[in-house]
Amino acid sequence: MKKIALVLLLGIALITCKKNKTTSDCGDKICTEEFASVVLKFVDNKGVGAEVKDFNVINQRTGERVTANSSVYTSTIKGVFIIVDDNNKLGLSEQGDDLKITGTSVETKQTKSVVIKVSGGKCACHINKISGPQQLVFD
């Protein structure tokens, strides 16, 4: 009786696994458990982290504001901002979206913007920075 139950359970498990593999839109994929994020540092003309106000990130494809959820849980180093993280990957296209980042220097009142291209998507394991600078310099 135990053998029959075991064979029955094994058969159900195999059928279930096969069904899940064939219905997946993304195919068989193995992802790491890392948590990816993209960071931008605002600096003054001496290369020192600058205090920034009116920080904003807009996805140019959708027109929507992007907020990295992980930025709430980190102690920020002066001038360093998490632009986007893996929690945002579903809101990004597989081809990559241009994210316009804007900030104003508290010291000089100068406002600067930069565009960073980041990909994601439903089938992506992680976000991926395609292009753009790592820092923005205020004059």
Protein backbone atom coordinates (compact mmCIF):
# COMPACT_ATOMS: atom_id res chain seq x y z
CA MET A 1 0.00 0.00 0.00
CA LYS A 2 2.85 2.40 0.86
CA LYS A 3 4.54 1.67 -2.48
CA ILE A 4 1.37 2.48 -4.41
CA ALA A 5 0.96 5.78 -2.54
CA LEU A 6 4.61 6.67 -3.16
CA VAL A 7 4.36 5.89 -6.89
CA LEU A 8 1.12 7.89 -7.11
CA LEU A 9 2.68 10.92 -5.39
CA LEU A 10 5.78 10.72 -7.57
CA GLY A 11 3.61 10.57 -10.72
CA ILE A 12 1.60 13.63 -9.64
CA ALA A 13 4.80 15.54 -8.88
CA LEU A 14 6.26 14.75 -12.31
CA ILE A 15 3.07 15.79 -14.11
CA THR A 16 2.97 19.04 -12.14
CA CYS A 17 6.61 19.84 -12.90
CA LYS A 18 6.14 19.21 -16.61
CA LYS A 19 3.02 21.38 -16.71
CA ASN A 20 4.78 24.31 -15.01
CA LYS A 21 7.78 24.16 -17.35
CA THR A 22 5.73 24.22 -20.54
CA THR A 23 3.41 27.03 -19.45
CA SER A 24 6.14 29.44 -18.39
CA ASP A 25 6.50 32.43 -20.72
CA CYS A 26 10.09 32.91 -19.64
CA GLY A 27 11.42 29.40 -20.17
CA ASP A 28 13.69 27.60 -17.75
CA LYS A 29 15.74 30.17 -15.91
CA ILE A 30 17.94 29.97 -12.85
CA CYS A 31 18.32 33.28 -11.03
CA THR A 32 20.66 34.19 -8.21
CA GLU A 33 19.32 35.52 -4.93
CA GLU A 34 21.36 38.71 -5.21
CA PHE A 35 19.48 41.99 -5.01
CA ALA A 36 20.58 44.44 -7.70
CA SER A 37 20.37 48.21 -7.52
CA VAL A 38 21.66 51.19 -9.48
CA VAL A 39 23.24 54.05 -7.56
CA LEU A 40 24.04 57.64 -8.58
CA LYS A 41 26.30 59.95 -6.60
CA PHE A 42 25.87 63.73 -6.66
CA VAL A 43 29.17 65.52 -6.01
CA ASP A 44 30.43 69.10 -5.85
CA ASN A 45 33.27 70.43 -8.04
CA LYS A 46 35.79 68.99 -5.55
CA GLY A 47 34.38 65.47 -5.82
CA VAL A 48 32.78 65.56 -2.35
CA GLY A 49 29.26 64.20 -1.88
CA ALA A 50 26.74 67.01 -2.28
CA GLU A 51 23.54 67.49 -0.30
CA VAL A 52 20.61 67.31 -2.74
CA LYS A 53 17.00 68.42 -2.61
CA ASP A 54 14.13 67.88 -5.06
CA PHE A 55 15.55 64.50 -6.08
CA ASN A 56 13.40 62.90 -8.77
CA VAL A 57 13.54 59.91 -11.14
CA ILE A 58 11.17 59.73 -14.14
CA ASN A 59 10.84 56.81 -16.55
CA GLN A 60 10.89 58.57 -19.93
CA ARG A 61 8.93 55.75 -21.64
CA THR A 62 5.99 55.79 -19.22
CA GLY A 63 6.23 59.28 -17.75
CA GLU A 64 5.91 57.75 -14.28
CA ARG A 65 8.00 58.56 -11.25
CA VAL A 66 10.31 55.74 -10.16
CA THR A 67 11.01 55.11 -6.48
CA ALA A 68 13.48 52.47 -5.34
CA ASN A 69 11.91 50.75 -2.34
CA SER A 70 15.30 49.77 -0.92
CA SER A 71 16.27 53.45 -0.57
CA VAL A 72 13.86 53.67 2.39
CA TYR A 73 15.83 51.05 4.32
CA THR A 74 19.37 52.27 3.73
CA SER A 75 21.33 54.88 5.60
CA THR A 76 22.27 57.20 2.78
CA ILE A 77 25.79 58.50 2.35
CA LYS A 78 25.76 62.21 1.54
CA GLY A 79 25.00 62.62 -2.16
CA VAL A 80 24.41 58.90 -2.86
CA PHE A 81 20.97 57.81 -4.09
CA ILE A 82 19.59 54.42 -5.06
CA ILE A 83 17.91 55.16 -8.39
CA VAL A 84 16.22 51.83 -9.04
CA ASP A 85 16.41 48.28 -7.67
CA ASP A 86 15.10 44.77 -8.36
CA ASN A 87 11.74 45.72 -6.84
CA ASN A 88 11.27 48.00 -9.88
CA LYS A 89 12.12 45.41 -12.58
CA LEU A 90 8.50 44.78 -13.64
CA GLY A 91 8.08 48.49 -14.42
CA LEU A 92 11.07 48.45 -16.77
CA SER A 93 11.20 47.12 -20.33
CA GLU A 94 13.48 44.29 -21.44
CA GLN A 95 15.07 46.63 -24.01
CA GLY A 96 15.80 49.20 -21.31
CA ASP A 97 14.17 52.45 -20.29
CA ASP A 98 15.73 55.88 -20.04
CA LEU A 99 15.43 57.14 -16.46
CA LYS A 100 15.85 60.90 -16.09
CA ILE A 101 17.35 61.74 -12.69
CA THR A 102 17.15 65.32 -11.45
CA GLY A 103 18.45 66.94 -8.29
CA THR A 104 19.21 70.39 -6.92
CA SER A 105 22.32 71.23 -4.93
CA VAL A 106 21.39 72.62 -1.52
CA GLU A 107 24.64 74.63 -1.47
CA THR A 108 24.69 76.17 -4.97
CA LYS A 109 20.95 75.91 -5.85
CA GLN A 110 22.04 74.49 -9.22
CA THR A 111 19.70 71.87 -10.75
CA LYS A 112 21.16 69.14 -12.92
CA SER A 113 19.74 66.14 -14.76
CA VAL A 114 21.20 62.99 -16.24
CA VAL A 115 19.74 60.00 -18.09
CA ILE A 116 20.57 56.41 -17.17
CA LYS A 117 19.28 53.46 -19.21
CA VAL A 118 18.19 50.43 -17.17
CA SER A 119 16.52 47.21 -18.30
CA GLY A 120 14.25 44.82 -16.44
CA GLY A 121 11.02 43.13 -17.44
CA LYS A 122 8.88 40.18 -16.46
CA CYS A 123 11.45 37.54 -17.37
CA ALA A 124 14.53 39.35 -16.06
CA CYS A 125 16.20 37.95 -12.97
CA HIS A 126 17.58 41.37 -12.07
CA ILE A 127 17.66 44.93 -13.34
CA ASN A 128 20.66 45.83 -15.47
CA LYS A 129 22.26 49.23 -16.02
CA ILE A 130 22.89 49.57 -19.74
CA SER A 131 24.38 53.07 -19.90
CA GLY A 132 24.83 56.32 -18.05
CA PRO A 133 27.21 57.94 -15.59
CA GLN A 134 27.90 56.86 -12.01
CA GLN A 135 28.00 60.40 -10.72
CA LEU A 136 26.65 63.86 -11.46
CA VAL A 137 28.85 66.88 -10.77
CA PHE A 138 27.55 70.27 -9.65
CA ASP A 139 29.70 73.24 -10.77
